Amino acid sequence: MFKYIVHGKTSSDFAAAMLNKPQDRRVILNPFFERFNITVFEFLFTSGIDFNFVSVVGANEDDDVEAMVNIVYSSGNFSNISWSKAYESDAYMRVFEKGHDKMNAYVSSMQVAGIE
């Protein structure tokens, strides 16, 4: 299972609905997450300006997270929402080890142009 960070900015429609009928959104959405086999580790609302929602979730495939986020976005509850894969520090080190092992195959545009 991979970890992902989902973050976004809730919309005025979301605020209006919550003011009209306050509810624990995580409890309501748990069956939705289960349909995608997504495990929710954190489900947090913040006082941020650029985003006011952040969640850490686990999923087996990027496509599951992308599909889930698209459905949430289409609901109108978010003015923007995005996700990214998250790495534990040892896994992120392996990403750089892979790059280190293969970086000699990279040819920069500066080299091709004869500037470097």
PDB file of N, CA and C in Angstrom:
ATOM      1  N   MET A   1       0.845  -1.181   0.000  1.00  0.00           N
ATOM      2  CA  MET A   1       0.000   0.000   0.000  1.00  0.00           C
ATOM      3  C   MET A   1       0.887   1.241   0.000  1.00  0.00           C
ATOM      4  N   PHE A   2       0.535   2.196  -0.841  1.00  0.00           N
ATOM      5  CA  PHE A   2       1.259   3.452  -0.931  1.00  0.00           C
ATOM      6  C   PHE A   2       0.537   4.526  -0.115  1.00  0.00           C
ATOM      7  N   LYS A   3       1.281   5.530   0.313  1.00  0.00           N
ATOM      8  CA  LYS A   3       0.684   6.656   1.037  1.00  0.00           C
ATOM      9  C   LYS A   3       0.562   7.849   0.111  1.00  0.00           C
ATOM     10  N   TYR A   4      -0.478   8.640   0.349  1.00  0.00           N
ATOM     11  CA  TYR A   4      -0.748   9.831  -0.452  1.00  0.00           C
ATOM     12  C   TYR A   4      -1.175  10.970   0.462  1.00  0.00           C
ATOM     13  N   ILE A   5      -0.851  12.178   0.046  1.00  0.00           N
ATOM     14  CA  ILE A   5      -1.323  13.388   0.707  1.00  0.00           C
ATOM     15  C   ILE A   5      -2.373  14.004  -0.211  1.00  0.00           C
ATOM     16  N   VAL A   6      -3.549  14.252   0.323  1.00  0.00           N
ATOM     17  CA  VAL A   6      -4.619  14.930  -0.406  1.00  0.00           C
ATOM     18  C   VAL A   6      -4.834  16.261   0.292  1.00  0.00           C
ATOM     19  N   HIS A   7      -4.826  17.348  -0.475  1.00  0.00           N
ATOM     20  CA  HIS A   7      -5.092  18.642   0.148  1.00  0.00           C
ATOM     21  C   HIS A   7      -5.910  19.511  -0.780  1.00  0.00           C
ATOM     22  N   GLY A   8      -6.699  20.383  -0.176  1.00  0.00           N
ATOM     23  CA  GLY A   8      -7.555  21.227  -0.992  1.00  0.00           C
ATOM     24  C   GLY A   8      -8.156  22.368  -0.212  1.00  0.00           C
ATOM     25  N   LYS A   9      -8.927  23.123  -0.910  1.00  0.00           N
ATOM     26  CA  LYS A   9      -9.635  24.275  -0.358  1.00  0.00           C
ATOM     27  C   LYS A   9     -11.125  24.013  -0.508  1.00  0.00           C
ATOM     28  N   THR A  10     -11.840  23.977   0.617  1.00  0.00           N
ATOM     29  CA  THR A  10     -13.271  23.760   0.545  1.00  0.00           C
ATOM     30  C   THR A  10     -13.950  24.979  -0.083  1.00  0.00           C
ATOM     31  N   SER A  11     -15.113  24.738  -0.640  1.00  0.00           N
ATOM     32  CA  SER A  11     -15.845  25.786  -1.357  1.00  0.00           C
ATOM     33  C   SER A  11     -16.860  26.467  -0.442  1.00  0.00           C
ATOM     34  N   SER A  12     -17.450  27.546  -0.949  1.00  0.00           N
ATOM     35  CA  SER A  12     -18.521  28.213  -0.196  1.00  0.00           C
ATOM     36  C   SER A  12     -19.747  27.304  -0.109  1.00  0.00           C
ATOM     37  N   ASP A  13     -19.963  26.446  -1.107  1.00  0.00           N
ATOM     38  CA  ASP A  13     -21.070  25.485  -1.034  1.00  0.00           C
ATOM     39  C   ASP A  13     -20.877  24.529   0.140  1.00  0.00           C
ATOM     40  N   PHE A  14     -19.641  24.101   0.360  1.00  0.00           N
ATOM     41  CA  PHE A  14     -19.335  23.227   1.490  1.00  0.00           C
ATOM     42  C   PHE A  14     -19.652  23.943   2.797  1.00  0.00           C
ATOM     43  N   ALA A  15     -19.194  25.195   2.926  1.00  0.00           N
ATOM     44  CA  ALA A  15     -19.433  25.957   4.148  1.00  0.00           C
ATOM     45  C   ALA A  15     -20.922  26.156   4.390  1.00  0.00           C
ATOM     46  N   ALA A  16     -21.672  26.477   3.336  1.00  0.00           N
ATOM     47  CA  ALA A  16     -23.116  26.681   3.483  1.00  0.00           C
ATOM     48  C   ALA A  16     -23.803  25.398   3.953  1.00  0.00           C
ATOM     49  N   ALA A  17     -23.432  24.272   3.353  1.00  0.00           N
ATOM     50  CA  ALA A  17     -24.037  22.994   3.742  1.00  0.00           C
ATOM     51  C   ALA A  17     -23.696  22.640   5.191  1.00  0.00           C
ATOM     52  N   MET A  18     -22.439  22.879   5.588  1.00  0.00           N
ATOM     53  CA  MET A  18     -22.025  22.567   6.960  1.00  0.00           C
ATOM     54  C   MET A  18     -22.694  23.499   7.974  1.00  0.00           C
ATOM     55  N   LEU A  19     -22.882  24.770   7.607  1.00  0.00           N
ATOM     56  CA  LEU A  19     -23.579  25.692   8.510  1.00  0.00           C
ATOM     57  C   LEU A  19     -25.051  25.314   8.642  1.00  0.00           C
ATOM     58  N   ASN A  20     -25.638  24.839   7.554  1.00  0.00           N
ATOM     59  CA  ASN A  20     -27.031  24.427   7.564  1.00  0.00           C
ATOM     60  C   ASN A  20     -27.232  23.148   8.382  1.00  0.00           C
ATOM     61  N   LYS A  21     -26.280  22.210   8.224  1.00  0.00           N
ATOM     62  CA  LYS A  21     -26.380  20.932   8.942  1.00  0.00           C
ATOM     63  C   LYS A  21     -24.971  20.428   9.261  1.00  0.00           C
ATOM     64  N   PRO A  22     -24.400  20.842  10.401  1.00  0.00           N
ATOM     65  CA  PRO A  22     -23.052  20.382  10.770  1.00  0.00           C
ATOM     66  C   PRO A  22     -23.003  18.854  10.842  1.00  0.00           C
ATOM     67  N   GLN A  23     -21.910  18.292  10.329  1.00  0.00           N
ATOM     68  CA  GLN A  23     -21.772  16.839  10.298  1.00  0.00           C
ATOM     69  C   GLN A  23     -20.301  16.444  10.266  1.00  0.00           C
ATOM     70  N   ASP A  24     -20.028  15.256  10.760  1.00  0.00           N
ATOM     71  CA  ASP A  24     -18.665  14.708  10.725  1.00  0.00           C
ATOM     72  C   ASP A  24     -18.457  14.087   9.350  1.00  0.00           C
ATOM     73  N   ARG A  25     -17.776  14.799   8.477  1.00  0.00           N
ATOM     74  CA  ARG A  25     -17.614  14.359   7.092  1.00  0.00           C
ATOM     75  C   ARG A  25     -16.847  13.042   6.982  1.00  0.00           C
ATOM     76  N   ARG A  26     -15.897  12.803   7.861  1.00  0.00           N
ATOM     77  CA  ARG A  26     -15.137  11.549   7.761  1.00  0.00           C
ATOM     78  C   ARG A  26     -16.054  10.347   7.964  1.00  0.00           C
ATOM     79  N   VAL A  27     -16.906  10.405   8.950  1.00  0.00           N
ATOM     80  CA  VAL A  27     -17.815   9.289   9.222  1.00  0.00           C
ATOM     81  C   VAL A  27     -18.720   9.046   8.018  1.00  0.00           C
ATOM     82  N   ILE A  28     -19.225  10.127   7.444  1.00  0.00           N
ATOM     83  CA  ILE A  28     -20.126  10.006   6.297  1.00  0.00           C
ATOM     84  C   ILE A  28     -19.400   9.445   5.079  1.00  0.00           C
ATOM     85  N   LEU A  29     -18.132   9.806   4.915  1.00  0.00           N
ATOM     86  CA  LEU A  29     -17.376   9.396   3.724  1.00  0.00           C
ATOM     87  C   LEU A  29     -16.687   8.045   3.843  1.00  0.00           C
ATOM     88  N   ASN A  30     -16.646   7.457   5.024  1.00  0.00           N
ATOM     89  CA  ASN A  30     -15.953   6.169   5.182  1.00  0.00           C
ATOM     90  C   ASN A  30     -16.423   5.104   4.188  1.00  0.00           C
ATOM     91  N   PRO A  31     -17.721   4.917   3.941  1.00  0.00           N
ATOM     92  CA  PRO A  31     -18.133   3.913   2.935  1.00  0.00           C
ATOM     93  C   PRO A  31     -17.606   4.246   1.532  1.00  0.00           C
ATOM     94  N   PHE A  32     -17.534   5.524   1.210  1.00  0.00           N
ATOM     95  CA  PHE A  32     -16.984   5.967  -0.076  1.00  0.00           C
ATOM     96  C   PHE A  32     -15.522   5.553  -0.194  1.00  0.00           C
ATOM     97  N   PHE A  33     -14.727   5.809   0.841  1.00  0.00           N
ATOM     98  CA  PHE A  33     -13.317   5.418   0.825  1.00  0.00           C
ATOM     99  C   PHE A  33     -13.169   3.908   0.712  1.00  0.00           C
ATOM    100  N   GLU A  34     -14.026   3.183   1.400  1.00  0.00           N
ATOM    101  CA  GLU A  34     -13.967   1.717   1.362  1.00  0.00           C
ATOM    102  C   GLU A  34     -14.203   1.183  -0.049  1.00  0.00           C
ATOM    103  N   ARG A  35     -15.031   1.845  -0.835  1.00  0.00           N
ATOM    104  CA  ARG A  35     -15.297   1.407  -2.218  1.00  0.00           C
ATOM    105  C   ARG A  35     -14.029   1.433  -3.062  1.00  0.00           C
ATOM    106  N   PHE A  36     -13.100   2.318  -2.718  1.00  0.00           N
ATOM    107  CA  PHE A  36     -11.826   2.427  -3.437  1.00  0.00           C
ATOM    108  C   PHE A  36     -10.693   1.688  -2.728  1.00  0.00           C
ATOM    109  N   ASN A  37     -11.002   0.977  -1.659  1.00  0.00           N
ATOM    110  CA  ASN A  37      -9.974   0.334  -0.821  1.00  0.00           C
ATOM    111  C   ASN A  37      -8.942   1.346  -0.345  1.00  0.00           C
ATOM    112  N   ILE A  38      -9.416   2.535   0.017  1.00  0.00           N
ATOM    113  CA  ILE A  38      -8.546   3.593   0.527  1.00  0.00           C
ATOM    114  C   ILE A  38      -8.644   3.615   2.045  1.00  0.00           C
ATOM    115  N   THR A  39      -7.484   3.570   2.692  1.00  0.00           N
ATOM    116  CA  THR A  39      -7.396   3.674   4.138  1.00  0.00           C
ATOM    117  C   THR A  39      -7.084   5.121   4.491  1.00  0.00           C
ATOM    118  N   VAL A  40      -7.855   5.697   5.393  1.00  0.00           N
ATOM    119  CA  VAL A  40      -7.646   7.085   5.808  1.00  0.00           C
ATOM    120  C   VAL A  40      -6.873   7.080   7.123  1.00  0.00           C
ATOM    121  N   PHE A  41      -5.672   7.653   7.091  1.00  0.00           N
ATOM    122  CA  PHE A  41      -4.846   7.760   8.291  1.00  0.00           C
ATOM    123  C   PHE A  41      -5.092   9.084   9.012  1.00  0.00           C
ATOM    124  N   GLU A  42      -5.240  10.151   8.264  1.00  0.00           N
ATOM    125  CA  GLU A  42      -5.525  11.477   8.817  1.00  0.00           C
ATOM    126  C   GLU A  42      -6.577  12.137   7.929  1.00  0.00           C
ATOM    127  N   PHE A  43      -7.480  12.897   8.535  1.00  0.00           N
ATOM    128  CA  PHE A  43      -8.546  13.595   7.819  1.00  0.00           C
ATOM    129  C   PHE A  43      -8.748  14.904   8.568  1.00  0.00           C
ATOM    130  N   LEU A  44      -8.048  15.938   8.128  1.00  0.00           N
ATOM    131  CA  LEU A  44      -7.936  17.156   8.929  1.00  0.00           C
ATOM    132  C   LEU A  44      -8.404  18.397   8.189  1.00  0.00           C
ATOM    133  N   PHE A  45      -9.110  19.255   8.895  1.00  0.00           N
ATOM    134  CA  PHE A  45      -9.441  20.577   8.387  1.00  0.00           C
ATOM    135  C   PHE A  45      -8.524  21.566   9.100  1.00  0.00           C
ATOM    136  N   THR A  46      -8.031  22.551   8.363  1.00  0.00           N
ATOM    137  CA  THR A  46      -7.068  23.495   8.916  1.00  0.00           C
ATOM    138  C   THR A  46      -7.598  24.923   8.756  1.00  0.00           C
ATOM    139  N   SER A  47      -6.866  25.856   9.300  1.00  0.00           N
ATOM    140  CA  SER A  47      -7.235  27.264   9.166  1.00  0.00           C
ATOM    141  C   SER A  47      -6.387  27.938   8.093  1.00  0.00           C
ATOM    142  N   GLY A  48      -5.927  27.176   7.131  1.00  0.00           N
ATOM    143  CA  GLY A  48      -5.052  27.696   6.093  1.00  0.00           C
ATOM    144  C   GLY A  48      -5.763  28.593   5.101  1.00  0.00           C
ATOM    145  N   ILE A  49      -4.998  29.441   4.451  1.00  0.00           N
ATOM    146  CA  ILE A  49      -5.538  30.336   3.435  1.00  0.00           C
ATOM    147  C   ILE A  49      -5.541  29.641   2.073  1.00  0.00           C
ATOM    148  N   ASP A  50      -4.435  29.020   1.701  1.00  0.00           N
ATOM    149  CA  ASP A  50      -4.325  28.366   0.397  1.00  0.00           C
ATOM    150  C   ASP A  50      -5.068  27.034   0.352  1.00  0.00           C
ATOM    151  N   PHE A  51      -5.051  26.305   1.451  1.00  0.00           N
ATOM    152  CA  PHE A  51      -5.838  25.086   1.556  1.00  0.00           C
ATOM    153  C   PHE A  51      -6.290  24.950   3.006  1.00  0.00           C
ATOM    154  N   ASN A  52      -7.431  24.338   3.200  1.00  0.00           N
ATOM    155  CA  ASN A  52      -7.936  24.164   4.565  1.00  0.00           C
ATOM    156  C   ASN A  52      -8.369  22.725   4.844  1.00  0.00           C
ATOM    157  N   PHE A  53      -7.867  21.812   4.009  1.00  0.00           N
ATOM    158  CA  PHE A  53      -8.116  20.395   4.222  1.00  0.00           C
ATOM    159  C   PHE A  53      -6.863  19.626   3.837  1.00  0.00           C
ATOM    160  N   VAL A  54      -6.486  18.671   4.663  1.00  0.00           N
ATOM    161  CA  VAL A  54      -5.364  17.792   4.337  1.00  0.00           C
ATOM    162  C   VAL A  54      -5.678  16.401   4.880  1.00  0.00           C
ATOM    163  N   SER A  55      -5.333  15.407   4.089  1.00  0.00           N
ATOM    164  CA  SER A  55      -5.573  14.031   4.496  1.00  0.00           C
ATOM    165  C   SER A  55      -4.390  13.172   4.082  1.00  0.00           C
ATOM    166  N   VAL A  56      -4.088  12.199   4.895  1.00  0.00           N
ATOM    167  CA  VAL A  56      -3.089  11.187   4.554  1.00  0.00           C
ATOM    168  C   VAL A  56      -3.865   9.891   4.386  1.00  0.00           C
ATOM    169  N   VAL A  57      -3.745   9.315   3.192  1.00  0.00           N
ATOM    170  CA  VAL A  57      -4.490   8.095   2.887  1.00  0.00           C
ATOM    171  C   VAL A  57      -3.549   7.032   2.350  1.00  0.00           C
ATOM    172  N   GLY A  58      -3.999   5.811   2.383  1.00  0.00           N
ATOM    173  CA  GLY A  58      -3.271   4.698   1.798  1.00  0.00           C
ATOM    174  C   GLY A  58      -4.109   4.062   0.705  1.00  0.00           C
ATOM    175  N   ALA A  59      -3.461   3.703  -0.392  1.00  0.00           N
ATOM    176  CA  ALA A  59      -4.149   3.048  -1.510  1.00  0.00           C
ATOM    177  C   ALA A  59      -3.163   2.150  -2.243  1.00  0.00           C
ATOM    178  N   ASN A  60      -3.701   1.198  -2.980  1.00  0.00           N
ATOM    179  CA  ASN A  60      -2.848   0.269  -3.725  1.00  0.00           C
ATOM    180  C   ASN A  60      -2.412   0.823  -5.072  1.00  0.00           C
ATOM    181  N   GLU A  61      -3.163   1.785  -5.613  1.00  0.00           N
ATOM    182  CA  GLU A  61      -2.848   2.317  -6.936  1.00  0.00           C
ATOM    183  C   GLU A  61      -3.109   3.813  -6.994  1.00  0.00           C
ATOM    184  N   ASP A  62      -2.277   4.520  -7.764  1.00  0.00           N
ATOM    185  CA  ASP A  62      -2.487   5.945  -8.000  1.00  0.00           C
ATOM    186  C   ASP A  62      -3.867   6.203  -8.590  1.00  0.00           C
ATOM    187  N   ASP A  63      -4.318   5.317  -9.483  1.00  0.00           N
ATOM    188  CA  ASP A  63      -5.603   5.496 -10.154  1.00  0.00           C
ATOM    189  C   ASP A  63      -6.765   5.565  -9.169  1.00  0.00           C
ATOM    190  N   ASP A  64      -6.679   4.814  -8.072  1.00  0.00           N
ATOM    191  CA  ASP A  64      -7.747   4.842  -7.067  1.00  0.00           C
ATOM    192  C   ASP A  64      -7.852   6.229  -6.432  1.00  0.00           C
ATOM    193  N   VAL A  65      -6.719   6.810  -6.121  1.00  0.00           N
ATOM    194  CA  VAL A  65      -6.708   8.139  -5.515  1.00  0.00           C
ATOM    195  C   VAL A  65      -7.176   9.183  -6.523  1.00  0.00           C
ATOM    196  N   GLU A  66      -6.705   9.090  -7.754  1.00  0.00           N
ATOM    197  CA  GLU A  66      -7.114  10.042  -8.785  1.00  0.00           C
ATOM    198  C   GLU A  66      -8.622   9.973  -9.024  1.00  0.00           C
ATOM    199  N   ALA A  67      -9.183   8.779  -9.122  1.00  0.00           N
ATOM    200  CA  ALA A  67     -10.623   8.629  -9.328  1.00  0.00           C
ATOM    201  C   ALA A  67     -11.402   9.195  -8.146  1.00  0.00           C
ATOM    202  N   MET A  68     -10.957   8.893  -6.940  1.00  0.00           N
ATOM    203  CA  MET A  68     -11.625   9.382  -5.744  1.00  0.00           C
ATOM    204  C   MET A  68     -11.600  10.907  -5.697  1.00  0.00           C
ATOM    205  N   VAL A  69     -10.448  11.508  -5.969  1.00  0.00           N
ATOM    206  CA  VAL A  69     -10.319  12.962  -5.934  1.00  0.00           C
ATOM    207  C   VAL A  69     -11.188  13.607  -7.013  1.00  0.00           C
ATOM    208  N   ASN A  70     -11.266  13.007  -8.184  1.00  0.00           N
ATOM    209  CA  ASN A  70     -12.113  13.558  -9.245  1.00  0.00           C
ATOM    210  C   ASN A  70     -13.588  13.575  -8.836  1.00  0.00           C
ATOM    211  N   ILE A  71     -14.032  12.534  -8.179  1.00  0.00           N
ATOM    212  CA  ILE A  71     -15.421  12.497  -7.713  1.00  0.00           C
ATOM    213  C   ILE A  71     -15.655  13.573  -6.659  1.00  0.00           C
ATOM    214  N   VAL A  72     -14.738  13.690  -5.720  1.00  0.00           N
ATOM    215  CA  VAL A  72     -14.871  14.708  -4.679  1.00  0.00           C
ATOM    216  C   VAL A  72     -14.887  16.105  -5.295  1.00  0.00           C
ATOM    217  N   TYR A  73     -14.002  16.364  -6.243  1.00  0.00           N
ATOM    218  CA  TYR A  73     -13.943  17.676  -6.885  1.00  0.00           C
ATOM    219  C   TYR A  73     -15.246  17.976  -7.631  1.00  0.00           C
ATOM    220  N   SER A  74     -15.780  16.971  -8.314  1.00  0.00           N
ATOM    221  CA  SER A  74     -17.003  17.183  -9.095  1.00  0.00           C
ATOM    222  C   SER A  74     -18.208  17.476  -8.206  1.00  0.00           C
ATOM    223  N   SER A  75     -18.120  17.179  -6.923  1.00  0.00           N
ATOM    224  CA  SER A  75     -19.244  17.414  -6.009  1.00  0.00           C
ATOM    225  C   SER A  75     -19.471  18.894  -5.732  1.00  0.00           C
ATOM    226  N   GLY A  76     -18.460  19.714  -6.010  1.00  0.00           N
ATOM    227  CA  GLY A  76     -18.576  21.133  -5.712  1.00  0.00           C
ATOM    228  C   GLY A  76     -18.189  21.496  -4.293  1.00  0.00           C
ATOM    229  N   ASN A  77     -17.794  20.516  -3.489  1.00  0.00           N
ATOM    230  CA  ASN A  77     -17.404  20.782  -2.110  1.00  0.00           C
ATOM    231  C   ASN A  77     -16.013  21.398  -1.984  1.00  0.00           C
ATOM    232  N   PHE A  78     -15.242  21.336  -3.075  1.00  0.00           N
ATOM    233  CA  PHE A  78     -13.891  21.899  -3.064  1.00  0.00           C
ATOM    234  C   PHE A  78     -13.709  22.838  -4.245  1.00  0.00           C
ATOM    235  N   SER A  79     -13.080  23.974  -3.993  1.00  0.00           N
ATOM    236  CA  SER A  79     -12.739  24.878  -5.091  1.00  0.00           C
ATOM    237  C   SER A  79     -11.453  24.415  -5.766  1.00  0.00           C
ATOM    238  N   ASN A  80     -10.624  23.680  -5.041  1.00  0.00           N
ATOM    239  CA  ASN A  80      -9.476  22.982  -5.627  1.00  0.00           C
ATOM    240  C   ASN A  80      -9.096  21.845  -4.702  1.00  0.00           C
ATOM    241  N   ILE A  81      -8.563  20.806  -5.300  1.00  0.00           N
ATOM    242  CA  ILE A  81      -8.119  19.644  -4.533  1.00  0.00           C
ATOM    243  C   ILE A  81      -7.069  18.922  -5.360  1.00  0.00           C
ATOM    244  N   SER A  82      -6.029  18.454  -4.710  1.00  0.00           N
ATOM    245  CA  SER A  82      -4.977  17.727  -5.422  1.00  0.00           C
ATOM    246  C   SER A  82      -4.380  16.678  -4.495  1.00  0.00           C
ATOM    247  N   TRP A  83      -3.545  15.845  -5.071  1.00  0.00           N
ATOM    248  CA  TRP A  83      -2.915  14.777  -4.299  1.00  0.00           C
ATOM    249  C   TRP A  83      -1.502  14.552  -4.800  1.00  0.00           C
ATOM    250  N   SER A  84      -0.712  13.950  -3.964  1.00  0.00           N
ATOM    251  CA  SER A  84       0.626  13.534  -4.366  1.00  0.00           C
ATOM    252  C   SER A  84       1.002  12.289  -3.577  1.00  0.00           C
ATOM    253  N   LYS A  85       1.862  11.494  -4.173  1.00  0.00           N
ATOM    254  CA  LYS A  85       2.359  10.299  -3.492  1.00  0.00           C
ATOM    255  C   LYS A  85       3.304  10.744  -2.385  1.00  0.00           C
ATOM    256  N   ALA A  86       3.253  10.069  -1.267  1.00  0.00           N
ATOM    257  CA  ALA A  86       4.123  10.379  -0.134  1.00  0.00           C
ATOM    258  C   ALA A  86       5.101   9.219   0.068  1.00  0.00           C
ATOM    259  N   TYR A  87       6.303   9.560   0.485  1.00  0.00           N
ATOM    260  CA  TYR A  87       7.347   8.556   0.669  1.00  0.00           C
ATOM    261  C   TYR A  87       7.889   8.600   2.087  1.00  0.00           C
ATOM    262  N   GLU A  88       8.091   7.449   2.672  1.00  0.00           N
ATOM    263  CA  GLU A  88       8.861   7.381   3.919  1.00  0.00           C
ATOM    264  C   GLU A  88      10.299   7.738   3.564  1.00  0.00           C
ATOM    265  N   SER A  89      11.069   8.166   4.543  1.00  0.00           N
ATOM    266  CA  SER A  89      12.418   8.667   4.249  1.00  0.00           C
ATOM    267  C   SER A  89      13.307   7.610   3.586  1.00  0.00           C
ATOM    268  N   ASP A  90      13.190   6.352   4.005  1.00  0.00           N
ATOM    269  CA  ASP A  90      14.023   5.316   3.395  1.00  0.00           C
ATOM    270  C   ASP A  90      13.603   5.044   1.947  1.00  0.00           C
ATOM    271  N   ALA A  91      12.322   5.109   1.672  1.00  0.00           N
ATOM    272  CA  ALA A  91      11.848   4.910   0.299  1.00  0.00           C
ATOM    273  C   ALA A  91      12.283   6.080  -0.582  1.00  0.00           C
ATOM    274  N   TYR A  92      12.267   7.286  -0.025  1.00  0.00           N
ATOM    275  CA  TYR A  92      12.686   8.448  -0.812  1.00  0.00           C
ATOM    276  C   TYR A  92      14.181   8.376  -1.115  1.00  0.00           C
ATOM    277  N   MET A  93      14.955   7.837  -0.181  1.00  0.00           N
ATOM    278  CA  MET A  93      16.379   7.638  -0.423  1.00  0.00           C
ATOM    279  C   MET A  93      16.576   6.688  -1.607  1.00  0.00           C
ATOM    280  N   ARG A  94      15.769   5.635  -1.691  1.00  0.00           N
ATOM    281  CA  ARG A  94      15.881   4.686  -2.796  1.00  0.00           C
ATOM    282  C   ARG A  94      15.554   5.344  -4.138  1.00  0.00           C
ATOM    283  N   VAL A  95      14.644   6.306  -4.139  1.00  0.00           N
ATOM    284  CA  VAL A  95      14.350   7.057  -5.365  1.00  0.00           C
ATOM    285  C   VAL A  95      15.619   7.763  -5.837  1.00  0.00           C
ATOM    286  N   PHE A  96      16.324   8.407  -4.912  1.00  0.00           N
ATOM    287  CA  PHE A  96      17.540   9.108  -5.275  1.00  0.00           C
ATOM    288  C   PHE A  96      18.679   8.153  -5.621  1.00  0.00           C
ATOM    289  N   GLU A  97      18.714   6.984  -4.980  1.00  0.00           N
ATOM    290  CA  GLU A  97      19.716   5.979  -5.361  1.00  0.00           C
ATOM    291  C   GLU A  97      19.491   5.543  -6.806  1.00  0.00           C
ATOM    292  N   LYS A  98      18.234   5.349  -7.188  1.00  0.00           N
ATOM    293  CA  LYS A  98      17.914   4.967  -8.561  1.00  0.00           C
ATOM    294  C   LYS A  98      18.365   6.062  -9.523  1.00  0.00           C
ATOM    295  N   GLY A  99      18.087   7.307  -9.180  1.00  0.00           N
ATOM    296  CA  GLY A  99      18.529   8.425 -10.009  1.00  0.00           C
ATOM    297  C   GLY A  99      20.039   8.511 -10.082  1.00  0.00           C
ATOM    298  N   HIS A 100      20.695   8.290  -8.959  1.00  0.00           N
ATOM    299  CA  HIS A 100      22.158   8.331  -8.906  1.00  0.00           C
ATOM    300  C   HIS A 100      22.760   7.283  -9.845  1.00  0.00           C
ATOM    301  N   ASP A 101      22.176   6.089  -9.829  1.00  0.00           N
ATOM    302  CA  ASP A 101      22.687   4.997 -10.661  1.00  0.00           C
ATOM    303  C   ASP A 101      22.487   5.238 -12.157  1.00  0.00           C
ATOM    304  N   LYS A 102      21.512   6.052 -12.513  1.00  0.00           N
ATOM    305  CA  LYS A 102      21.182   6.234 -13.928  1.00  0.00           C
ATOM    306  C   LYS A 102      21.474   7.634 -14.453  1.00  0.00           C
ATOM    307  N   MET A 103      21.979   8.531 -13.606  1.00  0.00           N
ATOM    308  CA  MET A 103      22.119   9.919 -14.044  1.00  0.00           C
ATOM    309  C   MET A 103      23.161  10.116 -15.133  1.00  0.00           C
ATOM    310  N   ASN A 104      24.094   9.203 -15.298  1.00  0.00           N
ATOM    311  CA  ASN A 104      25.091   9.372 -16.359  1.00  0.00           C
ATOM    312  C   ASN A 104      24.484   9.222 -17.753  1.00  0.00           C
ATOM    313  N   ALA A 105      23.255   8.684 -17.837  1.00  0.00           N
ATOM    314  CA  ALA A 105      22.583   8.552 -19.131  1.00  0.00           C
ATOM    315  C   ALA A 105      21.863   9.840 -19.534  1.00  0.00           C
ATOM    316  N   TYR A 106      21.735  10.779 -18.608  1.00  0.00           N
ATOM    317  CA  TYR A 106      21.027  12.026 -18.892  1.00  0.00           C
ATOM    318  C   TYR A 106      21.916  12.975 -19.688  1.00  0.00           C
ATOM    319  N   VAL A 107      21.369  13.533 -20.723  1.00  0.00           N
ATOM    320  CA  VAL A 107      22.077  14.521 -21.523  1.00  0.00           C
ATOM    321  C   VAL A 107      21.264  15.801 -21.445  1.00  0.00           C
ATOM    322  N   SER A 108      21.839  16.831 -20.883  1.00  0.00           N
ATOM    323  CA  SER A 108      21.100  18.084 -20.719  1.00  0.00           C
ATOM    324  C   SER A 108      20.970  18.813 -22.046  1.00  0.00           C
ATOM    325  N   SER A 109      19.995  19.689 -22.125  1.00  0.00           N
ATOM    326  CA  SER A 109      19.799  20.490 -23.333  1.00  0.00           C
ATOM    327  C   SER A 109      21.003  21.411 -23.556  1.00  0.00           C
ATOM    328  N   MET A 110      21.675  21.768 -22.471  1.00  0.00           N
ATOM    329  CA  MET A 110      22.875  22.614 -22.586  1.00  0.00           C
ATOM    330  C   MET A 110      23.988  21.842 -23.299  1.00  0.00           C
ATOM    331  N   GLN A 111      24.122  20.542 -22.989  1.00  0.00           N
ATOM    332  CA  GLN A 111      25.136  19.728 -23.650  1.00  0.00           C
ATOM    333  C   GLN A 111      24.814  19.559 -25.122  1.00  0.00           C
ATOM    334  N   VAL A 112      23.556  19.311 -25.434  1.00  0.00           N
ATOM    335  CA  VAL A 112      23.153  19.123 -26.830  1.00  0.00           C
ATOM    336  C   VAL A 112      23.403  20.405 -27.623  1.00  0.00           C
ATOM    337  N   ALA A 113      23.170  21.541 -26.997  1.00  0.00           N
ATOM    338  CA  ALA A 113      23.367  22.846 -27.679  1.00  0.00           C
ATOM    339  C   ALA A 113      24.849  23.221 -27.750  1.00  0.00           C
ATOM    340  N   GLY A 114      25.714  22.450 -27.101  1.00  0.00           N
ATOM    341  CA  GLY A 114      27.145  22.738 -27.113  1.00  0.00           C
ATOM    342  C   GLY A 114      27.549  23.885 -26.205  1.00  0.00           C
ATOM    343  N   ILE A 115      26.692  24.260 -25.280  1.00  0.00           N
ATOM    344  CA  ILE A 115      26.992  25.348 -24.363  1.00  0.00           C
ATOM    345  C   ILE A 115      27.732  24.859 -23.129  1.00  0.00           C
ATOM    346  N   GLU A 116      27.559  23.656 -22.766  1.00  0.00           N
ATOM    347  CA  GLU A 116      28.170  23.110 -21.563  1.00  0.00           C
ATOM    348  C   GLU A 116      29.435  22.347 -21.870  1.00  0.00           C
TER     349      GLU A 116
END
